[in-house]
């Protein structure tokens, strides 16, 4: 079985306590998620808790946005958030995702990591597409947007 991990890190010039809420609530993701602009007409729904463990988000969009769900399964404020990310389209896949927040010179080091397995059609797809190359830039854009969203809250 072929497994992969995509990880990106950025130092955001703010304390973790100011960044954490933007990730810990899916309602806040519209301010910084790199995928929000992929399909402006995307259907979104929220269920469970507003934030933290039990918060859930579902989306269904165009061919590029696909469809799936996210649920926060662990949340330790302001250190880490674990998310169960499940895609239903274009491929069925479950991708455990973790955000960690650590003190760093100049602010907080935020790390966004996603792991997964390539199996079935996705395994064939992975032969020609490198997941890190495919979504690594999205993670970088997302972290930069997260920094921008934090700066707006501070203003």
N, C-alpha and C. Protein backbone atom coordinates (compact mmCIF):
# COMPACT_ATOMS: atom_id res chain seq x y z
N UNK A 1 0.84 -1.19 0.00
CA UNK A 1 0.00 0.00 0.00
C UNK A 1 0.89 1.25 0.00
N UNK A 2 0.47 2.22 -0.73
CA UNK A 2 1.22 3.45 -0.88
C UNK A 2 0.65 4.52 0.07
N UNK A 3 1.48 5.03 0.97
CA UNK A 3 1.01 6.08 1.88
C UNK A 3 1.75 7.37 1.57
N UNK A 4 1.19 8.47 2.00
CA UNK A 4 1.83 9.76 1.77
C UNK A 4 1.53 10.69 2.93
N UNK A 5 2.35 11.74 3.02
CA UNK A 5 2.10 12.81 3.99
C UNK A 5 2.44 14.12 3.32
N UNK A 6 1.57 15.09 3.51
CA UNK A 6 1.81 16.44 3.02
C UNK A 6 1.88 17.33 4.26
N UNK A 7 3.00 18.05 4.42
CA UNK A 7 3.18 18.91 5.59
C UNK A 7 3.72 20.26 5.15
N UNK A 8 3.16 21.31 5.70
CA UNK A 8 3.67 22.66 5.49
C UNK A 8 3.67 23.39 6.83
N UNK A 9 4.64 24.28 6.99
CA UNK A 9 4.80 25.02 8.23
C UNK A 9 5.02 26.50 7.91
N UNK A 10 4.46 27.36 8.74
CA UNK A 10 4.68 28.80 8.60
C UNK A 10 4.69 29.41 9.99
N UNK A 11 5.50 30.47 10.16
CA UNK A 11 5.47 31.23 11.40
C UNK A 11 4.51 32.40 11.21
N UNK A 12 3.49 32.44 12.04
CA UNK A 12 2.48 33.51 11.97
C UNK A 12 2.75 34.45 13.14
N UNK A 13 2.89 35.76 12.85
CA UNK A 13 3.26 36.72 13.89
C UNK A 13 2.12 37.05 14.86
N UNK A 14 1.73 36.04 15.63
CA UNK A 14 0.67 36.22 16.62
C UNK A 14 0.77 35.06 17.61
N UNK A 15 0.25 35.26 18.81
CA UNK A 15 0.24 34.14 19.76
C UNK A 15 -0.74 33.05 19.32
N UNK A 16 -0.46 31.81 19.69
CA UNK A 16 -1.31 30.68 19.32
C UNK A 16 -2.76 30.91 19.71
N UNK A 17 -2.99 31.58 20.84
CA UNK A 17 -4.35 31.84 21.32
C UNK A 17 -5.18 32.66 20.32
N UNK A 18 -4.51 33.44 19.46
CA UNK A 18 -5.23 34.24 18.47
C UNK A 18 -5.44 33.48 17.16
N UNK A 19 -4.61 32.47 16.89
CA UNK A 19 -4.68 31.71 15.64
C UNK A 19 -5.62 30.52 15.80
N UNK A 20 -5.51 29.84 16.93
CA UNK A 20 -6.22 28.60 17.21
C UNK A 20 -7.72 28.66 16.89
N UNK A 21 -8.45 29.71 17.32
CA UNK A 21 -9.90 29.75 17.07
C UNK A 21 -10.28 29.75 15.58
N UNK A 22 -9.40 30.26 14.73
CA UNK A 22 -9.68 30.31 13.29
C UNK A 22 -9.63 28.93 12.65
N UNK A 23 -8.93 27.99 13.30
CA UNK A 23 -8.84 26.62 12.80
C UNK A 23 -9.83 25.72 13.54
N UNK A 24 -10.07 26.02 14.80
CA UNK A 24 -10.88 25.17 15.67
C UNK A 24 -12.39 25.28 15.40
N UNK A 25 -12.79 26.22 14.54
CA UNK A 25 -14.19 26.36 14.14
C UNK A 25 -14.28 26.37 12.62
N UNK A 26 -15.00 25.42 12.05
CA UNK A 26 -15.13 25.38 10.59
C UNK A 26 -15.84 26.62 10.05
N UNK A 27 -16.64 27.29 10.87
CA UNK A 27 -17.30 28.53 10.45
C UNK A 27 -16.25 29.59 10.08
N UNK A 28 -15.07 29.51 10.70
CA UNK A 28 -13.99 30.50 10.45
C UNK A 28 -13.17 30.16 9.20
N UNK A 29 -13.27 28.92 8.70
CA UNK A 29 -12.44 28.51 7.57
C UNK A 29 -12.71 29.32 6.31
N UNK A 30 -13.93 29.88 6.18
CA UNK A 30 -14.24 30.68 4.99
C UNK A 30 -13.31 31.88 4.88
N UNK A 31 -12.70 32.30 6.00
CA UNK A 31 -11.80 33.45 6.00
C UNK A 31 -10.40 33.12 5.49
N UNK A 32 -10.03 31.81 5.47
CA UNK A 32 -8.64 31.50 5.13
C UNK A 32 -8.41 30.23 4.32
N UNK A 33 -9.38 29.35 4.24
CA UNK A 33 -9.16 28.07 3.55
C UNK A 33 -8.82 28.31 2.07
N UNK A 34 -7.78 27.64 1.58
CA UNK A 34 -7.38 27.84 0.18
C UNK A 34 -8.39 27.29 -0.82
N UNK A 35 -9.36 26.53 -0.34
CA UNK A 35 -10.32 25.92 -1.26
C UNK A 35 -11.63 26.68 -1.35
N UNK A 36 -11.78 27.74 -0.56
CA UNK A 36 -13.03 28.49 -0.57
C UNK A 36 -13.32 29.11 -1.93
N UNK A 37 -12.29 29.49 -2.67
CA UNK A 37 -12.50 30.18 -3.95
C UNK A 37 -12.61 29.21 -5.13
N UNK A 38 -12.39 27.91 -4.90
CA UNK A 38 -12.44 26.93 -5.98
C UNK A 38 -13.83 26.85 -6.60
N UNK A 39 -14.85 26.96 -5.75
CA UNK A 39 -16.23 26.91 -6.22
C UNK A 39 -17.07 27.86 -5.37
N UNK A 40 -17.26 29.11 -5.84
CA UNK A 40 -18.02 30.09 -5.05
C UNK A 40 -19.45 29.63 -4.74
N UNK A 41 -20.00 28.71 -5.54
CA UNK A 41 -21.37 28.23 -5.33
C UNK A 41 -21.42 26.94 -4.49
N UNK A 42 -20.30 26.57 -3.90
CA UNK A 42 -20.22 25.33 -3.14
C UNK A 42 -21.26 25.28 -2.03
N UNK A 43 -21.90 24.12 -1.88
CA UNK A 43 -22.84 23.90 -0.78
C UNK A 43 -22.05 23.54 0.46
N UNK A 44 -22.34 24.22 1.58
CA UNK A 44 -21.67 23.93 2.86
C UNK A 44 -22.72 23.69 3.92
N UNK A 45 -22.42 22.78 4.83
CA UNK A 45 -23.32 22.61 5.98
C UNK A 45 -22.47 22.33 7.21
N UNK A 46 -22.97 22.81 8.33
CA UNK A 46 -22.28 22.66 9.61
C UNK A 46 -23.19 21.88 10.55
N UNK A 47 -22.61 21.02 11.37
CA UNK A 47 -23.39 20.29 12.35
C UNK A 47 -22.52 20.02 13.57
N UNK A 48 -23.14 19.43 14.58
CA UNK A 48 -22.39 19.17 15.81
C UNK A 48 -22.09 20.46 16.55
N UNK A 49 -20.98 20.49 17.26
CA UNK A 49 -20.58 21.67 18.02
C UNK A 49 -20.14 22.80 17.09
N UNK A 50 -20.19 24.04 17.58
CA UNK A 50 -19.72 25.18 16.78
C UNK A 50 -18.21 25.14 16.60
N UNK A 51 -17.50 24.62 17.61
CA UNK A 51 -16.03 24.53 17.52
C UNK A 51 -15.56 23.38 18.39
N UNK A 52 -14.29 23.01 18.19
CA UNK A 52 -13.71 21.95 19.00
C UNK A 52 -14.24 20.57 18.65
N UNK A 53 -13.98 19.61 19.54
CA UNK A 53 -14.37 18.22 19.31
C UNK A 53 -15.86 18.13 19.01
N UNK A 54 -16.19 17.42 17.95
CA UNK A 54 -17.59 17.26 17.57
C UNK A 54 -18.07 18.24 16.52
N UNK A 55 -17.28 19.27 16.23
CA UNK A 55 -17.66 20.21 15.17
C UNK A 55 -17.53 19.48 13.83
N UNK A 56 -18.54 19.65 12.97
CA UNK A 56 -18.55 18.97 11.69
C UNK A 56 -18.88 19.94 10.56
N UNK A 57 -18.33 19.61 9.40
CA UNK A 57 -18.50 20.45 8.21
C UNK A 57 -18.62 19.50 7.02
N UNK A 58 -19.53 19.80 6.13
CA UNK A 58 -19.67 19.02 4.90
C UNK A 58 -19.71 19.98 3.73
N UNK A 59 -19.15 19.55 2.60
CA UNK A 59 -19.19 20.39 1.41
C UNK A 59 -19.47 19.54 0.20
N UNK A 60 -20.04 20.18 -0.80
CA UNK A 60 -20.27 19.54 -2.08
C UNK A 60 -20.17 20.65 -3.12
N UNK A 61 -19.25 20.45 -4.05
CA UNK A 61 -19.02 21.50 -5.02
C UNK A 61 -18.83 20.98 -6.43
N UNK A 62 -18.27 21.81 -7.26
CA UNK A 62 -18.02 21.44 -8.64
C UNK A 62 -16.97 20.33 -8.72
N UNK A 63 -16.62 19.95 -9.94
CA UNK A 63 -15.68 18.85 -10.14
C UNK A 63 -14.35 19.09 -9.42
N UNK A 64 -13.90 20.33 -9.41
CA UNK A 64 -12.61 20.64 -8.77
C UNK A 64 -12.72 20.62 -7.24
N UNK A 65 -13.84 21.09 -6.69
CA UNK A 65 -14.02 21.15 -5.24
C UNK A 65 -14.33 19.77 -4.66
N UNK A 66 -15.03 18.94 -5.43
CA UNK A 66 -15.39 17.62 -4.92
C UNK A 66 -16.40 17.70 -3.78
N UNK A 67 -16.41 16.65 -2.97
CA UNK A 67 -17.35 16.60 -1.85
C UNK A 67 -16.72 15.81 -0.71
N UNK A 68 -17.16 16.12 0.51
CA UNK A 68 -16.64 15.38 1.64
C UNK A 68 -17.10 15.97 2.95
N UNK A 69 -16.48 15.48 4.03
CA UNK A 69 -16.81 15.93 5.37
C UNK A 69 -15.54 16.10 6.20
N UNK A 70 -15.62 16.94 7.21
CA UNK A 70 -14.55 17.09 8.18
C UNK A 70 -15.18 17.08 9.56
N UNK A 71 -14.46 16.47 10.51
CA UNK A 71 -14.91 16.49 11.90
C UNK A 71 -13.69 16.66 12.79
N UNK A 72 -13.79 17.57 13.76
CA UNK A 72 -12.71 17.73 14.72
C UNK A 72 -12.84 16.60 15.74
N UNK A 73 -11.80 15.76 15.81
CA UNK A 73 -11.84 14.59 16.69
C UNK A 73 -10.99 14.78 17.95
N UNK A 74 -10.12 15.80 17.94
CA UNK A 74 -9.31 16.10 19.12
C UNK A 74 -8.92 17.56 19.05
N UNK A 75 -8.99 18.25 20.17
CA UNK A 75 -8.67 19.68 20.20
C UNK A 75 -8.07 20.01 21.56
N UNK A 76 -6.79 20.38 21.54
CA UNK A 76 -6.08 20.75 22.76
C UNK A 76 -5.65 22.21 22.61
N UNK A 77 -6.42 23.10 23.24
CA UNK A 77 -6.18 24.53 23.07
C UNK A 77 -4.96 24.97 23.87
N UNK A 78 -4.04 25.76 23.31
CA UNK A 78 -3.94 26.18 21.91
C UNK A 78 -2.83 25.41 21.18
N UNK A 79 -2.73 24.10 21.39
CA UNK A 79 -1.59 23.34 20.88
C UNK A 79 -1.84 22.53 19.61
N UNK A 80 -3.00 21.85 19.54
CA UNK A 80 -3.22 20.99 18.37
C UNK A 80 -4.70 20.74 18.12
N UNK A 81 -4.99 20.46 16.84
CA UNK A 81 -6.34 20.14 16.40
C UNK A 81 -6.20 18.97 15.43
N UNK A 82 -6.95 17.88 15.72
CA UNK A 82 -6.95 16.73 14.82
C UNK A 82 -8.30 16.64 14.14
N UNK A 83 -8.25 16.44 12.83
CA UNK A 83 -9.46 16.43 12.01
C UNK A 83 -9.54 15.13 11.22
N UNK A 84 -10.74 14.55 11.19
CA UNK A 84 -10.99 13.41 10.31
C UNK A 84 -11.57 13.99 9.03
N UNK A 85 -10.78 13.96 7.99
CA UNK A 85 -11.17 14.50 6.69
C UNK A 85 -11.54 13.32 5.80
N UNK A 86 -12.77 13.32 5.31
CA UNK A 86 -13.23 12.23 4.45
C UNK A 86 -13.73 12.80 3.13
N UNK A 87 -13.12 12.37 2.05
CA UNK A 87 -13.55 12.78 0.72
C UNK A 87 -14.54 11.74 0.19
N UNK A 88 -15.60 12.19 -0.46
CA UNK A 88 -16.51 11.27 -1.12
C UNK A 88 -16.40 11.40 -2.64
N UNK A 89 -15.99 12.59 -3.13
CA UNK A 89 -15.74 12.81 -4.56
C UNK A 89 -14.51 13.69 -4.69
N UNK A 90 -13.66 13.56 -5.66
CA UNK A 90 -13.74 12.63 -6.78
C UNK A 90 -13.31 11.20 -6.41
N UNK A 91 -12.61 11.03 -5.29
CA UNK A 91 -12.22 9.70 -4.82
C UNK A 91 -12.69 9.55 -3.39
N UNK A 92 -13.04 8.35 -2.99
CA UNK A 92 -13.33 8.09 -1.58
C UNK A 92 -11.99 7.92 -0.87
N UNK A 93 -11.80 8.69 0.19
CA UNK A 93 -10.55 8.62 0.95
C UNK A 93 -10.76 9.24 2.32
N UNK A 94 -10.02 8.73 3.30
CA UNK A 94 -10.01 9.33 4.63
C UNK A 94 -8.58 9.81 4.87
N UNK A 95 -8.46 11.10 5.18
CA UNK A 95 -7.14 11.70 5.35
C UNK A 95 -7.04 12.37 6.72
N UNK A 96 -6.46 11.67 7.72
CA UNK A 96 -6.24 12.33 9.01
C UNK A 96 -5.41 13.59 8.82
N UNK A 97 -5.88 14.68 9.43
CA UNK A 97 -5.24 15.98 9.27
C UNK A 97 -4.98 16.56 10.66
N UNK A 98 -3.80 17.15 10.84
CA UNK A 98 -3.44 17.70 12.14
C UNK A 98 -2.86 19.10 11.96
N UNK A 99 -3.32 20.02 12.79
CA UNK A 99 -2.72 21.35 12.90
C UNK A 99 -2.04 21.41 14.26
N UNK A 100 -0.77 21.86 14.28
CA UNK A 100 -0.10 22.07 15.57
C UNK A 100 0.37 23.52 15.64
N UNK A 101 0.40 24.02 16.87
CA UNK A 101 0.75 25.42 17.14
C UNK A 101 1.85 25.41 18.19
N UNK A 102 3.03 25.95 17.85
CA UNK A 102 4.15 25.94 18.79
C UNK A 102 4.79 27.33 18.84
N UNK A 103 5.19 27.77 20.03
CA UNK A 103 5.85 29.07 20.14
C UNK A 103 7.11 29.10 19.25
N UNK A 104 7.33 30.23 18.60
CA UNK A 104 8.50 30.39 17.74
C UNK A 104 8.92 31.85 17.79
N UNK A 105 10.17 32.11 17.42
CA UNK A 105 10.65 33.49 17.35
C UNK A 105 9.75 34.24 16.37
N UNK A 106 9.16 35.33 16.83
CA UNK A 106 8.33 36.14 15.96
C UNK A 106 6.86 35.72 15.93
N UNK A 107 6.48 34.75 16.74
CA UNK A 107 5.07 34.38 16.76
C UNK A 107 4.83 32.92 17.08
N UNK A 108 4.04 32.26 16.23
CA UNK A 108 3.66 30.86 16.43
C UNK A 108 3.96 30.07 15.17
N UNK A 109 4.63 28.95 15.34
CA UNK A 109 4.85 28.06 14.21
C UNK A 109 3.61 27.18 14.05
N UNK A 110 2.95 27.32 12.91
CA UNK A 110 1.75 26.54 12.63
C UNK A 110 2.13 25.48 11.60
N UNK A 111 1.86 24.22 11.94
CA UNK A 111 2.14 23.12 11.02
C UNK A 111 0.82 22.46 10.63
N UNK A 112 0.65 22.26 9.33
CA UNK A 112 -0.54 21.64 8.77
C UNK A 112 -0.08 20.36 8.11
N UNK A 113 -0.53 19.21 8.60
CA UNK A 113 -0.11 17.92 8.05
C UNK A 113 -1.32 17.06 7.73
N UNK A 114 -1.25 16.38 6.59
CA UNK A 114 -2.31 15.46 6.19
C UNK A 114 -1.66 14.16 5.73
N UNK A 115 -2.20 13.05 6.18
CA UNK A 115 -1.70 11.76 5.74
C UNK A 115 -2.80 11.01 4.99
N UNK A 116 -2.40 10.04 4.22
CA UNK A 116 -3.39 9.27 3.49
C UNK A 116 -2.78 8.04 2.85
N UNK A 117 -3.65 7.25 2.28
CA UNK A 117 -3.24 6.05 1.57
C UNK A 117 -3.77 6.13 0.16
N UNK A 118 -2.93 5.70 -0.78
CA UNK A 118 -3.38 5.61 -2.16
C UNK A 118 -3.84 4.17 -2.40
N UNK A 119 -5.13 4.01 -2.67
CA UNK A 119 -5.64 2.67 -2.98
C UNK A 119 -6.72 2.78 -4.03
N UNK A 120 -6.99 1.71 -4.70
CA UNK A 120 -8.00 1.71 -5.76
C UNK A 120 -7.62 2.67 -6.87
N UNK A 121 -8.62 3.43 -7.35
CA UNK A 121 -8.38 4.38 -8.43
C UNK A 121 -7.35 5.43 -8.02
N UNK A 122 -7.39 5.84 -6.74
CA UNK A 122 -6.44 6.85 -6.26
C UNK A 122 -5.01 6.36 -6.36
N UNK A 123 -4.79 5.05 -6.22
CA UNK A 123 -3.43 4.50 -6.32
C UNK A 123 -2.92 4.65 -7.75
N UNK A 124 -3.78 4.38 -8.72
CA UNK A 124 -3.39 4.57 -10.12
C UNK A 124 -3.12 6.05 -10.39
N UNK A 125 -3.97 6.90 -9.86
CA UNK A 125 -3.83 8.35 -10.02
C UNK A 125 -2.50 8.81 -9.43
N UNK A 126 -2.11 8.24 -8.28
CA UNK A 126 -0.89 8.65 -7.58
C UNK A 126 0.37 8.32 -8.37
N UNK A 127 0.27 7.37 -9.28
CA UNK A 127 1.43 7.03 -10.11
C UNK A 127 1.84 8.24 -10.95
N UNK A 128 0.87 9.02 -11.40
CA UNK A 128 1.18 10.17 -12.25
C UNK A 128 1.10 11.50 -11.51
N UNK A 129 0.47 11.52 -10.33
CA UNK A 129 0.35 12.77 -9.57
C UNK A 129 0.95 12.62 -8.18
N UNK A 130 1.82 13.53 -7.83
CA UNK A 130 2.42 13.53 -6.50
C UNK A 130 1.53 14.37 -5.59
N UNK A 131 1.02 13.75 -4.51
CA UNK A 131 0.10 14.45 -3.61
C UNK A 131 0.75 15.71 -3.01
N UNK A 132 2.02 15.62 -2.68
CA UNK A 132 2.69 16.79 -2.10
C UNK A 132 2.68 17.94 -3.10
N UNK A 133 2.97 17.64 -4.36
CA UNK A 133 2.96 18.69 -5.38
C UNK A 133 1.53 19.16 -5.65
N UNK A 134 0.57 18.23 -5.54
CA UNK A 134 -0.80 18.56 -5.87
C UNK A 134 -1.43 19.50 -4.83
N UNK A 135 -1.21 19.24 -3.54
CA UNK A 135 -1.88 20.06 -2.52
C UNK A 135 -0.95 20.85 -1.62
N UNK A 136 0.36 20.62 -1.73
CA UNK A 136 1.31 21.37 -0.91
C UNK A 136 1.18 22.87 -1.10
N UNK A 137 1.01 23.31 -2.35
CA UNK A 137 0.86 24.75 -2.62
C UNK A 137 -0.44 25.28 -2.01
N UNK A 138 -1.49 24.44 -1.98
CA UNK A 138 -2.75 24.86 -1.34
C UNK A 138 -2.51 25.09 0.15
N UNK A 139 -1.76 24.19 0.80
CA UNK A 139 -1.46 24.35 2.22
C UNK A 139 -0.68 25.65 2.45
N UNK A 140 0.29 25.93 1.56
CA UNK A 140 1.08 27.16 1.70
C UNK A 140 0.19 28.40 1.56
N UNK A 141 -0.72 28.38 0.57
CA UNK A 141 -1.67 29.49 0.39
C UNK A 141 -2.56 29.61 1.61
N UNK A 142 -3.03 28.47 2.13
CA UNK A 142 -3.91 28.48 3.29
C UNK A 142 -3.24 29.06 4.52
N UNK A 143 -1.98 28.69 4.76
CA UNK A 143 -1.26 29.23 5.91
C UNK A 143 -1.03 30.74 5.76
N UNK A 144 -0.74 31.18 4.53
CA UNK A 144 -0.57 32.62 4.29
C UNK A 144 -1.89 33.36 4.51
N UNK A 145 -3.00 32.75 4.08
CA UNK A 145 -4.32 33.36 4.29
C UNK A 145 -4.69 33.36 5.77
N UNK A 146 -4.30 32.30 6.48
CA UNK A 146 -4.55 32.23 7.92
C UNK A 146 -3.82 33.39 8.62
N UNK A 147 -2.58 33.65 8.21
CA UNK A 147 -1.82 34.77 8.78
C UNK A 147 -2.55 36.09 8.50
N UNK A 148 -3.09 36.23 7.28
CA UNK A 148 -3.83 37.43 6.92
C UNK A 148 -5.11 37.59 7.74
N UNK A 149 -5.80 36.47 7.98
CA UNK A 149 -7.03 36.50 8.77
C UNK A 149 -6.74 36.90 10.22
N UNK A 150 -5.60 36.41 10.75
CA UNK A 150 -5.21 36.77 12.12
C UNK A 150 -4.89 38.26 12.18
N UNK A 151 -4.17 38.76 11.17
CA UNK A 151 -3.81 40.19 11.14
C UNK A 151 -5.07 41.05 11.09
N UNK A 152 -6.09 40.63 10.34
CA UNK A 152 -7.35 41.39 10.26
C UNK A 152 -8.04 41.43 11.62
N UNK A 153 -7.98 40.32 12.35
CA UNK A 153 -8.61 40.28 13.68
C UNK A 153 -7.89 41.20 14.66
N UNK A 154 -6.56 41.36 14.44
CA UNK A 154 -5.76 42.19 15.34
C UNK A 154 -5.95 43.67 15.06
N UNK A 155 -6.35 43.98 13.82
CA UNK A 155 -6.45 45.38 13.40
C UNK A 155 -7.60 46.10 14.10
